[in-house]
Amino acid sequence: MTHSTYRSSSPDRWTMPRGASDTSLRRQIHGRIQPLDPPSFLERLFGMR
Protein backbone atom coordinates (compact mmCIF):
# COMPACT_ATOMS: atom_id res chain seq x y z
CA MET A 1 0.00 0.00 0.00
CA THR A 2 1.44 3.36 -1.00
CA HIS A 3 1.20 6.52 1.03
CA SER A 4 0.48 9.52 -1.18
CA THR A 5 0.01 13.13 -0.19
CA TYR A 6 -1.37 16.02 -2.16
CA ARG A 7 0.81 19.09 -2.47
CA SER A 8 -0.24 22.29 -4.15
CA SER A 9 2.16 24.90 -5.48
CA SER A 10 0.03 27.78 -4.22
CA PRO A 11 -0.34 28.47 -0.48
CA ASP A 12 -3.61 27.72 1.22
CA ARG A 13 -5.92 30.72 1.73
CA TRP A 14 -6.48 29.73 5.37
CA THR A 15 -2.79 29.71 6.21
CA MET A 16 -1.86 32.75 4.07
CA PRO A 17 -4.79 35.20 4.31
CA ARG A 18 -4.83 38.33 2.21
CA GLY A 19 -3.91 41.52 4.03
CA ALA A 20 -6.36 44.35 4.55
CA SER A 21 -6.42 46.78 1.66
CA ASP A 22 -6.52 50.54 1.92
CA THR A 23 -10.09 51.87 2.19
CA SER A 24 -9.67 54.27 -0.73
CA LEU A 25 -8.36 51.43 -2.90
CA ARG A 26 -11.31 49.21 -1.88
CA ARG A 27 -13.71 52.02 -2.81
CA GLN A 28 -12.08 52.44 -6.23
CA ILE A 29 -12.37 48.73 -6.94
CA HIS A 30 -15.81 47.93 -5.47
CA GLY A 31 -17.57 51.30 -5.26
CA ARG A 32 -19.62 52.72 -2.41
CA ILE A 33 -21.04 50.51 0.31
CA GLN A 34 -24.59 49.60 -0.65
CA PRO A 35 -27.45 49.07 1.84
CA LEU A 36 -28.80 45.55 2.29
CA ASP A 37 -32.35 46.57 1.46
CA PRO A 38 -32.80 48.72 -1.66
CA PRO A 39 -34.33 52.15 -1.05
CA SER A 40 -38.01 52.56 -1.87
CA PHE A 41 -39.29 54.81 -4.63
CA LEU A 42 -40.10 57.64 -2.19
CA GLU A 43 -36.69 57.38 -0.53
CA ARG A 44 -35.01 57.67 -3.92
CA LEU A 45 -37.35 60.49 -4.98
CA PHE A 46 -36.78 62.64 -1.90
CA GLY A 47 -33.17 61.58 -1.25
CA MET A 48 -33.81 60.18 2.20
CA ARG A 49 -31.21 57.97 3.96
PDB file of N, CA and C in Angstrom:
ATOM      1  N   MET A   1       0.845  -1.175   0.000  1.00  0.00           N
ATOM      2  CA  MET A   1       0.000   0.000   0.000  1.00  0.00           C
ATOM      3  C   MET A   1       0.897   1.248   0.000  1.00  0.00           C
ATOM      4  N   THR A   2       0.605   2.160  -0.895  1.00  0.00           N
ATOM      5  CA  THR A   2       1.438   3.356  -0.996  1.00  0.00           C
ATOM      6  C   THR A   2       0.814   4.505  -0.215  1.00  0.00           C
ATOM      7  N   HIS A   3       1.656   5.338   0.292  1.00  0.00           N
ATOM      8  CA  HIS A   3       1.202   6.518   1.029  1.00  0.00           C
ATOM      9  C   HIS A   3       1.424   7.732   0.125  1.00  0.00           C
ATOM     10  N   SER A   4       0.335   8.361  -0.303  1.00  0.00           N
ATOM     11  CA  SER A   4       0.478   9.521  -1.182  1.00  0.00           C
ATOM     12  C   SER A   4      -0.121  10.747  -0.504  1.00  0.00           C
ATOM     13  N   THR A   5       0.515  11.869  -0.721  1.00  0.00           N
ATOM     14  CA  THR A   5       0.011  13.129  -0.186  1.00  0.00           C
ATOM     15  C   THR A   5      -0.172  14.108  -1.329  1.00  0.00           C
ATOM     16  N   TYR A   6      -1.102  15.005  -1.143  1.00  0.00           N
ATOM     17  CA  TYR A   6      -1.371  16.021  -2.162  1.00  0.00           C
ATOM     18  C   TYR A   6      -0.644  17.301  -1.784  1.00  0.00           C
ATOM     19  N   ARG A   7       0.120  17.833  -2.711  1.00  0.00           N
ATOM     20  CA  ARG A   7       0.812  19.090  -2.470  1.00  0.00           C
ATOM     21  C   ARG A   7       0.467  20.058  -3.588  1.00  0.00           C
ATOM     22  N   SER A   8       0.116  21.251  -3.187  1.00  0.00           N
ATOM     23  CA  SER A   8      -0.236  22.291  -4.149  1.00  0.00           C
ATOM     24  C   SER A   8       0.902  23.302  -4.204  1.00  0.00           C
ATOM     25  N   SER A   9       1.096  23.906  -5.354  1.00  0.00           N
ATOM     26  CA  SER A   9       2.162  24.897  -5.480  1.00  0.00           C
ATOM     27  C   SER A   9       1.767  26.231  -4.869  1.00  0.00           C
ATOM     28  N   SER A  10       0.475  26.508  -4.789  1.00  0.00           N
ATOM     29  CA  SER A  10       0.034  27.777  -4.218  1.00  0.00           C
ATOM     30  C   SER A  10      -0.290  27.588  -2.732  1.00  0.00           C
ATOM     31  N   PRO A  11      -0.026  28.606  -1.909  1.00  0.00           N
ATOM     32  CA  PRO A  11      -0.336  28.471  -0.480  1.00  0.00           C
ATOM     33  C   PRO A  11      -1.839  28.455  -0.236  1.00  0.00           C
ATOM     34  N   ASP A  12      -2.207  27.820   0.848  1.00  0.00           N
ATOM     35  CA  ASP A  12      -3.608  27.717   1.221  1.00  0.00           C
ATOM     36  C   ASP A  12      -4.121  29.078   1.682  1.00  0.00           C
ATOM     37  N   ARG A  13      -5.363  29.426   1.347  1.00  0.00           N
ATOM     38  CA  ARG A  13      -5.921  30.722   1.734  1.00  0.00           C
ATOM     39  C   ARG A  13      -6.123  30.828   3.234  1.00  0.00           C
ATOM     40  N   TRP A  14      -6.300  29.696   3.929  1.00  0.00           N
ATOM     41  CA  TRP A  14      -6.483  29.734   5.375  1.00  0.00           C
ATOM     42  C   TRP A  14      -5.170  30.017   6.089  1.00  0.00           C
ATOM     43  N   THR A  15      -4.072  29.499   5.548  1.00  0.00           N
ATOM     44  CA  THR A  15      -2.788  29.710   6.206  1.00  0.00           C
ATOM     45  C   THR A  15      -2.128  31.007   5.768  1.00  0.00           C
ATOM     46  N   MET A  16      -2.445  31.511   4.580  1.00  0.00           N
ATOM     47  CA  MET A  16      -1.863  32.750   4.071  1.00  0.00           C
ATOM     48  C   MET A  16      -2.984  33.704   3.679  1.00  0.00           C
ATOM     49  N   PRO A  17      -3.680  34.316   4.656  1.00  0.00           N
ATOM     50  CA  PRO A  17      -4.794  35.200   4.306  1.00  0.00           C
ATOM     51  C   PRO A  17      -4.293  36.477   3.649  1.00  0.00           C
ATOM     52  N   ARG A  18      -5.157  37.090   2.892  1.00  0.00           N
ATOM     53  CA  ARG A  18      -4.828  38.335   2.215  1.00  0.00           C
ATOM     54  C   ARG A  18      -4.874  39.480   3.221  1.00  0.00           C
ATOM     55  N   GLY A  19      -3.941  40.388   3.123  1.00  0.00           N
ATOM     56  CA  GLY A  19      -3.908  41.519   4.032  1.00  0.00           C
ATOM     57  C   GLY A  19      -5.022  42.501   3.743  1.00  0.00           C
ATOM     58  N   ALA A  20      -5.314  43.344   4.719  1.00  0.00           N
ATOM     59  CA  ALA A  20      -6.359  44.347   4.551  1.00  0.00           C
ATOM     60  C   ALA A  20      -5.893  45.400   3.548  1.00  0.00           C
ATOM     61  N   SER A  21      -6.775  45.782   2.658  1.00  0.00           N
ATOM     62  CA  SER A  21      -6.423  46.783   1.662  1.00  0.00           C
ATOM     63  C   SER A  21      -6.817  48.171   2.158  1.00  0.00           C
ATOM     64  N   ASP A  22      -6.220  49.161   1.577  1.00  0.00           N
ATOM     65  CA  ASP A  22      -6.521  50.539   1.921  1.00  0.00           C
ATOM     66  C   ASP A  22      -7.983  50.835   1.579  1.00  0.00           C
ATOM     67  N   THR A  23      -8.665  51.623   2.413  1.00  0.00           N
ATOM     68  CA  THR A  23     -10.086  51.875   2.189  1.00  0.00           C
ATOM     69  C   THR A  23     -10.335  52.626   0.888  1.00  0.00           C
ATOM     70  N   SER A  24      -9.466  53.544   0.523  1.00  0.00           N
ATOM     71  CA  SER A  24      -9.671  54.269  -0.734  1.00  0.00           C
ATOM     72  C   SER A  24      -9.486  53.343  -1.926  1.00  0.00           C
ATOM     73  N   LEU A  25      -8.559  52.401  -1.828  1.00  0.00           N
ATOM     74  CA  LEU A  25      -8.357  51.434  -2.901  1.00  0.00           C
ATOM     75  C   LEU A  25      -9.571  50.516  -3.012  1.00  0.00           C
ATOM     76  N   ARG A  26     -10.120  50.066  -1.864  1.00  0.00           N
ATOM     77  CA  ARG A  26     -11.311  49.214  -1.884  1.00  0.00           C
ATOM     78  C   ARG A  26     -12.475  49.939  -2.529  1.00  0.00           C
ATOM     79  N   ARG A  27     -12.616  51.241  -2.231  1.00  0.00           N
ATOM     80  CA  ARG A  27     -13.715  52.018  -2.808  1.00  0.00           C
ATOM     81  C   ARG A  27     -13.546  52.180  -4.316  1.00  0.00           C
ATOM     82  N   GLN A  28     -12.319  52.341  -4.791  1.00  0.00           N
ATOM     83  CA  GLN A  28     -12.076  52.445  -6.231  1.00  0.00           C
ATOM     84  C   GLN A  28     -12.427  51.145  -6.944  1.00  0.00           C
ATOM     85  N   ILE A  29     -12.125  50.034  -6.314  1.00  0.00           N
ATOM     86  CA  ILE A  29     -12.368  48.733  -6.943  1.00  0.00           C
ATOM     87  C   ILE A  29     -13.848  48.358  -6.879  1.00  0.00           C
ATOM     88  N   HIS A  30     -14.460  48.449  -5.682  1.00  0.00           N
ATOM     89  CA  HIS A  30     -15.813  47.930  -5.471  1.00  0.00           C
ATOM     90  C   HIS A  30     -16.905  48.989  -5.449  1.00  0.00           C
ATOM     91  N   GLY A  31     -16.554  50.251  -5.318  1.00  0.00           N
ATOM     92  CA  GLY A  31     -17.569  51.295  -5.262  1.00  0.00           C
ATOM     93  C   GLY A  31     -18.054  51.537  -3.842  1.00  0.00           C
ATOM     94  N   ARG A  32     -19.075  52.386  -3.723  1.00  0.00           N
ATOM     95  CA  ARG A  32     -19.615  52.722  -2.414  1.00  0.00           C
ATOM     96  C   ARG A  32     -20.266  51.522  -1.753  1.00  0.00           C
ATOM     97  N   ILE A  33     -20.346  51.566  -0.440  1.00  0.00           N
ATOM     98  CA  ILE A  33     -21.035  50.515   0.312  1.00  0.00           C
ATOM     99  C   ILE A  33     -22.532  50.661   0.076  1.00  0.00           C
ATOM    100  N   GLN A  34     -23.174  49.584  -0.329  1.00  0.00           N
ATOM    101  CA  GLN A  34     -24.590  49.597  -0.650  1.00  0.00           C
ATOM    102  C   GLN A  34     -25.401  49.064   0.529  1.00  0.00           C
ATOM    103  N   PRO A  35     -26.608  49.605   0.766  1.00  0.00           N
ATOM    104  CA  PRO A  35     -27.446  49.074   1.842  1.00  0.00           C
ATOM    105  C   PRO A  35     -27.965  47.681   1.488  1.00  0.00           C
ATOM    106  N   LEU A  36     -28.284  46.900   2.519  1.00  0.00           N
ATOM    107  CA  LEU A  36     -28.796  45.548   2.288  1.00  0.00           C
ATOM    108  C   LEU A  36     -30.167  45.570   1.629  1.00  0.00           C
ATOM    109  N   ASP A  37     -31.028  46.471   2.075  1.00  0.00           N
ATOM    110  CA  ASP A  37     -32.345  46.568   1.459  1.00  0.00           C
ATOM    111  C   ASP A  37     -32.354  47.778   0.522  1.00  0.00           C
ATOM    112  N   PRO A  38     -32.795  47.601  -0.710  1.00  0.00           N
ATOM    113  CA  PRO A  38     -32.798  48.719  -1.659  1.00  0.00           C
ATOM    114  C   PRO A  38     -33.763  49.813  -1.217  1.00  0.00           C
ATOM    115  N   PRO A  39     -33.432  51.075  -1.455  1.00  0.00           N
ATOM    116  CA  PRO A  39     -34.333  52.153  -1.053  1.00  0.00           C
ATOM    117  C   PRO A  39     -35.637  52.117  -1.846  1.00  0.00           C
ATOM    118  N   SER A  40     -36.716  52.540  -1.201  1.00  0.00           N
ATOM    119  CA  SER A  40     -38.013  52.557  -1.866  1.00  0.00           C
ATOM    120  C   SER A  40     -38.069  53.707  -2.860  1.00  0.00           C
ATOM    121  N   PHE A  41     -39.128  53.759  -3.621  1.00  0.00           N
ATOM    122  CA  PHE A  41     -39.285  54.805  -4.629  1.00  0.00           C
ATOM    123  C   PHE A  41     -39.291  56.191  -3.982  1.00  0.00           C
ATOM    124  N   LEU A  42     -40.029  56.337  -2.862  1.00  0.00           N
ATOM    125  CA  LEU A  42     -40.099  57.641  -2.191  1.00  0.00           C
ATOM    126  C   LEU A  42     -38.752  58.042  -1.595  1.00  0.00           C
ATOM    127  N   GLU A  43     -38.021  57.077  -1.063  1.00  0.00           N
ATOM    128  CA  GLU A  43     -36.692  57.377  -0.532  1.00  0.00           C
ATOM    129  C   GLU A  43     -35.757  57.848  -1.644  1.00  0.00           C
ATOM    130  N   ARG A  44     -35.840  57.222  -2.790  1.00  0.00           N
ATOM    131  CA  ARG A  44     -35.013  57.669  -3.918  1.00  0.00           C
ATOM    132  C   ARG A  44     -35.481  59.019  -4.429  1.00  0.00           C
ATOM    133  N   LEU A  45     -36.789  59.250  -4.444  1.00  0.00           N
ATOM    134  CA  LEU A  45     -37.351  60.492  -4.980  1.00  0.00           C
ATOM    135  C   LEU A  45     -36.958  61.691  -4.112  1.00  0.00           C
ATOM    136  N   PHE A  46     -37.055  61.535  -2.798  1.00  0.00           N
ATOM    137  CA  PHE A  46     -36.780  62.640  -1.899  1.00  0.00           C
ATOM    138  C   PHE A  46     -35.358  62.624  -1.330  1.00  0.00           C
ATOM    139  N   GLY A  47     -34.562  61.641  -1.701  1.00  0.00           N
ATOM    140  CA  GLY A  47     -33.168  61.580  -1.248  1.00  0.00           C
ATOM    141  C   GLY A  47     -33.003  61.288   0.207  1.00  0.00           C
ATOM    142  N   MET A  48     -33.924  60.540   0.790  1.00  0.00           N
ATOM    143  CA  MET A  48     -33.814  60.178   2.197  1.00  0.00           C
ATOM    144  C   MET A  48     -32.778  59.084   2.352  1.00  0.00           C
ATOM    145  N   ARG A  49     -32.222  58.956   3.557  1.00  0.00           N
ATOM    146  CA  ARG A  49     -31.206  57.973   3.956  1.00  0.00           C
ATOM    147  C   ARG A  49     -29.914  58.627   4.187  1.00  0.00           C
TER     148      ARG A  49
END
